[in-house]
N, C-alpha and C. Protein backbone atom coordinates (compact mmCIF):
# COMPACT_ATOMS: atom_id res chain seq x y z
N MET A 1 1.10 6.80 4.67
CA MET A 1 1.43 5.57 5.33
C MET A 1 2.58 5.75 6.30
N THR A 2 3.50 6.65 6.01
CA THR A 2 4.66 6.82 6.88
C THR A 2 4.47 7.92 7.91
N SER A 3 3.35 8.61 7.87
CA SER A 3 3.04 9.67 8.85
C SER A 3 4.13 10.73 8.93
N GLY A 4 4.72 11.07 7.80
CA GLY A 4 5.72 12.12 7.77
C GLY A 4 7.08 11.70 8.27
N GLN A 5 7.25 10.45 8.63
CA GLN A 5 8.54 9.97 9.10
C GLN A 5 9.18 9.13 8.00
N PHE A 6 10.53 9.23 7.94
CA PHE A 6 11.25 8.42 6.97
C PHE A 6 11.22 6.96 7.39
N ARG A 7 10.93 6.11 6.41
CA ARG A 7 11.05 4.67 6.60
C ARG A 7 11.61 4.10 5.31
N PRO A 8 12.51 3.15 5.41
CA PRO A 8 13.06 2.54 4.19
C PRO A 8 11.96 1.86 3.38
N LEU A 9 12.08 1.95 2.07
CA LEU A 9 11.08 1.38 1.19
C LEU A 9 10.87 -0.12 1.43
N PRO A 10 11.92 -0.92 1.61
CA PRO A 10 11.67 -2.35 1.89
C PRO A 10 10.81 -2.57 3.13
N GLN A 11 10.99 -1.75 4.14
CA GLN A 11 10.18 -1.88 5.35
C GLN A 11 8.71 -1.58 5.05
N ILE A 12 8.48 -0.55 4.30
CA ILE A 12 7.10 -0.18 3.93
C ILE A 12 6.45 -1.31 3.15
N LEU A 13 7.19 -1.86 2.20
CA LEU A 13 6.63 -2.94 1.37
C LEU A 13 6.31 -4.18 2.20
N MET A 14 7.16 -4.50 3.15
CA MET A 14 6.94 -5.68 3.98
C MET A 14 5.73 -5.51 4.90
N GLU A 15 5.39 -4.28 5.22
CA GLU A 15 4.28 -4.00 6.13
C GLU A 15 2.94 -3.78 5.41
N LEU A 16 2.94 -3.87 4.09
CA LEU A 16 1.70 -3.69 3.35
C LEU A 16 0.71 -4.79 3.69
N PRO A 17 -0.57 -4.45 3.77
CA PRO A 17 -1.58 -5.50 3.96
C PRO A 17 -1.62 -6.41 2.73
N PRO A 18 -2.11 -7.62 2.90
CA PRO A 18 -2.12 -8.59 1.79
C PRO A 18 -2.77 -8.07 0.50
N THR A 19 -3.83 -7.30 0.61
CA THR A 19 -4.50 -6.81 -0.60
C THR A 19 -3.59 -5.85 -1.38
N GLN A 20 -2.85 -5.01 -0.65
CA GLN A 20 -1.94 -4.09 -1.32
C GLN A 20 -0.71 -4.82 -1.86
N GLN A 21 -0.25 -5.84 -1.15
CA GLN A 21 0.85 -6.65 -1.66
C GLN A 21 0.46 -7.32 -2.97
N GLU A 22 -0.77 -7.81 -3.02
CA GLU A 22 -1.24 -8.47 -4.24
C GLU A 22 -1.35 -7.48 -5.39
N LYS A 23 -1.81 -6.27 -5.12
CA LYS A 23 -1.91 -5.24 -6.17
C LYS A 23 -0.53 -4.92 -6.71
N LEU A 24 0.45 -4.73 -5.83
CA LEU A 24 1.82 -4.45 -6.27
C LEU A 24 2.36 -5.63 -7.06
N TYR A 25 2.14 -6.84 -6.57
CA TYR A 25 2.58 -8.05 -7.27
C TYR A 25 2.01 -8.08 -8.69
N ASN A 26 0.73 -7.82 -8.82
CA ASN A 26 0.09 -7.84 -10.14
C ASN A 26 0.68 -6.77 -11.06
N ASP A 27 0.99 -5.60 -10.51
CA ASP A 27 1.59 -4.53 -11.32
C ASP A 27 2.97 -4.96 -11.83
N ILE A 28 3.76 -5.59 -10.97
CA ILE A 28 5.10 -6.02 -11.37
C ILE A 28 5.03 -7.18 -12.35
N VAL A 29 4.14 -8.13 -12.11
CA VAL A 29 3.99 -9.28 -13.02
C VAL A 29 3.58 -8.80 -14.41
N ALA A 30 2.76 -7.77 -14.47
CA ALA A 30 2.35 -7.21 -15.77
C ALA A 30 3.56 -6.70 -16.54
N VAL A 31 4.53 -6.15 -15.84
CA VAL A 31 5.75 -5.65 -16.48
C VAL A 31 6.62 -6.81 -16.95
N LEU A 32 6.70 -7.86 -16.15
CA LEU A 32 7.58 -8.97 -16.47
C LEU A 32 7.09 -9.80 -17.64
N GLY A 33 5.80 -9.67 -17.94
CA GLY A 33 5.26 -10.36 -19.10
C GLY A 33 5.41 -11.86 -19.04
N ASN A 34 5.95 -12.42 -20.09
CA ASN A 34 6.03 -13.87 -20.22
C ASN A 34 7.44 -14.41 -19.95
N LEU A 35 8.16 -13.79 -19.05
CA LEU A 35 9.48 -14.32 -18.71
C LEU A 35 9.34 -15.72 -18.12
N ASN A 36 10.22 -16.59 -18.52
CA ASN A 36 10.22 -17.94 -17.96
C ASN A 36 11.29 -18.02 -16.88
N TRP A 37 10.86 -18.27 -15.65
CA TRP A 37 11.80 -18.38 -14.54
C TRP A 37 11.29 -19.44 -13.58
N THR A 38 12.23 -20.03 -12.84
CA THR A 38 11.86 -21.13 -11.95
C THR A 38 11.95 -20.77 -10.48
N ASP A 39 12.75 -19.77 -10.14
CA ASP A 39 12.86 -19.36 -8.74
C ASP A 39 13.23 -17.88 -8.68
N ALA A 40 13.20 -17.34 -7.48
CA ALA A 40 13.45 -15.91 -7.30
C ALA A 40 14.85 -15.52 -7.76
N ALA A 41 15.83 -16.38 -7.50
CA ALA A 41 17.21 -16.06 -7.90
C ALA A 41 17.31 -15.92 -9.42
N GLN A 42 16.66 -16.80 -10.14
CA GLN A 42 16.69 -16.72 -11.60
C GLN A 42 15.96 -15.47 -12.09
N LEU A 43 14.84 -15.14 -11.46
CA LEU A 43 14.10 -13.93 -11.84
C LEU A 43 14.94 -12.69 -11.62
N VAL A 44 15.58 -12.60 -10.47
CA VAL A 44 16.45 -11.45 -10.18
C VAL A 44 17.57 -11.37 -11.21
N SER A 45 18.16 -12.48 -11.54
CA SER A 45 19.23 -12.51 -12.53
C SER A 45 18.74 -12.02 -13.89
N LEU A 46 17.57 -12.47 -14.31
CA LEU A 46 17.00 -12.04 -15.59
C LEU A 46 16.75 -10.54 -15.62
N VAL A 47 16.17 -10.03 -14.54
CA VAL A 47 15.86 -8.59 -14.49
C VAL A 47 17.14 -7.77 -14.40
N MET A 48 18.07 -8.18 -13.55
CA MET A 48 19.30 -7.40 -13.39
C MET A 48 20.18 -7.43 -14.64
N GLY A 49 19.99 -8.43 -15.47
CA GLY A 49 20.75 -8.52 -16.71
C GLY A 49 20.13 -7.79 -17.88
N ASN A 50 19.03 -7.12 -17.64
CA ASN A 50 18.31 -6.44 -18.72
C ASN A 50 17.94 -5.03 -18.26
N ALA A 51 18.63 -4.03 -18.79
CA ALA A 51 18.43 -2.64 -18.36
C ALA A 51 16.99 -2.18 -18.58
N THR A 52 16.37 -2.61 -19.67
CA THR A 52 15.00 -2.20 -19.95
C THR A 52 14.05 -2.76 -18.89
N LEU A 53 14.21 -4.04 -18.55
CA LEU A 53 13.37 -4.62 -17.51
C LEU A 53 13.60 -3.93 -16.17
N GLN A 54 14.85 -3.61 -15.86
CA GLN A 54 15.15 -2.90 -14.62
C GLN A 54 14.37 -1.60 -14.55
N GLN A 55 14.41 -0.85 -15.64
CA GLN A 55 13.71 0.44 -15.69
C GLN A 55 12.20 0.25 -15.57
N GLN A 56 11.66 -0.76 -16.22
CA GLN A 56 10.22 -0.99 -16.18
C GLN A 56 9.75 -1.43 -14.80
N VAL A 57 10.51 -2.30 -14.15
CA VAL A 57 10.15 -2.74 -12.80
C VAL A 57 10.26 -1.57 -11.83
N THR A 58 11.32 -0.79 -11.95
CA THR A 58 11.49 0.38 -11.09
C THR A 58 10.36 1.37 -11.29
N ALA A 59 9.99 1.61 -12.53
CA ALA A 59 8.89 2.54 -12.83
C ALA A 59 7.58 2.04 -12.25
N ALA A 60 7.31 0.74 -12.37
CA ALA A 60 6.07 0.17 -11.81
C ALA A 60 6.06 0.31 -10.29
N LEU A 61 7.19 0.07 -9.66
CA LEU A 61 7.29 0.19 -8.21
C LEU A 61 7.10 1.64 -7.77
N LEU A 62 7.77 2.56 -8.42
CA LEU A 62 7.63 3.97 -8.06
C LEU A 62 6.22 4.47 -8.32
N ASN A 63 5.61 4.01 -9.42
CA ASN A 63 4.24 4.39 -9.72
C ASN A 63 3.30 3.91 -8.61
N TYR A 64 3.48 2.69 -8.15
CA TYR A 64 2.65 2.15 -7.09
C TYR A 64 2.84 2.95 -5.80
N ILE A 65 4.07 3.22 -5.44
CA ILE A 65 4.38 3.94 -4.20
C ILE A 65 3.77 5.34 -4.22
N THR A 66 3.93 6.04 -5.32
CA THR A 66 3.44 7.42 -5.37
C THR A 66 1.93 7.50 -5.57
N ASN A 67 1.35 6.63 -6.39
CA ASN A 67 -0.08 6.72 -6.68
C ASN A 67 -0.96 5.97 -5.70
N GLU A 68 -0.56 4.79 -5.30
CA GLU A 68 -1.39 3.98 -4.40
C GLU A 68 -1.17 4.34 -2.93
N LEU A 69 0.09 4.54 -2.56
CA LEU A 69 0.41 4.81 -1.15
C LEU A 69 0.52 6.30 -0.85
N ARG A 70 0.55 7.11 -1.91
CA ARG A 70 0.70 8.56 -1.75
C ARG A 70 1.95 8.90 -0.93
N ALA A 71 3.01 8.17 -1.21
CA ALA A 71 4.27 8.39 -0.49
C ALA A 71 5.26 9.10 -1.40
N GLU A 72 6.17 9.79 -0.80
CA GLU A 72 7.23 10.48 -1.51
C GLU A 72 8.48 9.62 -1.44
N VAL A 73 9.10 9.41 -2.60
CA VAL A 73 10.33 8.62 -2.64
C VAL A 73 11.50 9.58 -2.77
N ARG A 74 12.46 9.43 -1.88
CA ARG A 74 13.68 10.24 -1.93
C ARG A 74 14.86 9.32 -2.15
N TYR A 75 15.74 9.75 -3.02
CA TYR A 75 16.92 8.96 -3.35
C TYR A 75 18.09 9.43 -2.50
N LYS A 76 18.89 8.48 -2.08
CA LYS A 76 20.09 8.81 -1.33
C LYS A 76 21.29 8.25 -2.09
N ASP A 77 22.26 9.11 -2.34
CA ASP A 77 23.47 8.66 -3.05
C ASP A 77 24.45 8.03 -2.10
């Protein structure tokens, strides 16, 4: 998808076609399970306050990026 050029992950995600966005959404929702939240801010707060959820959401995202998009993720410190 990136044609060998570096692009920030948020940019790649924003440019996904609707079908791929929905697939990623479904993967993340599966991780979140039955969390009760009313808006995005509350959801972010719930996830950021729980290390296990953070790890599970990150793993689902990385799994999607590497398996579905065949992209390489590089970390920058």
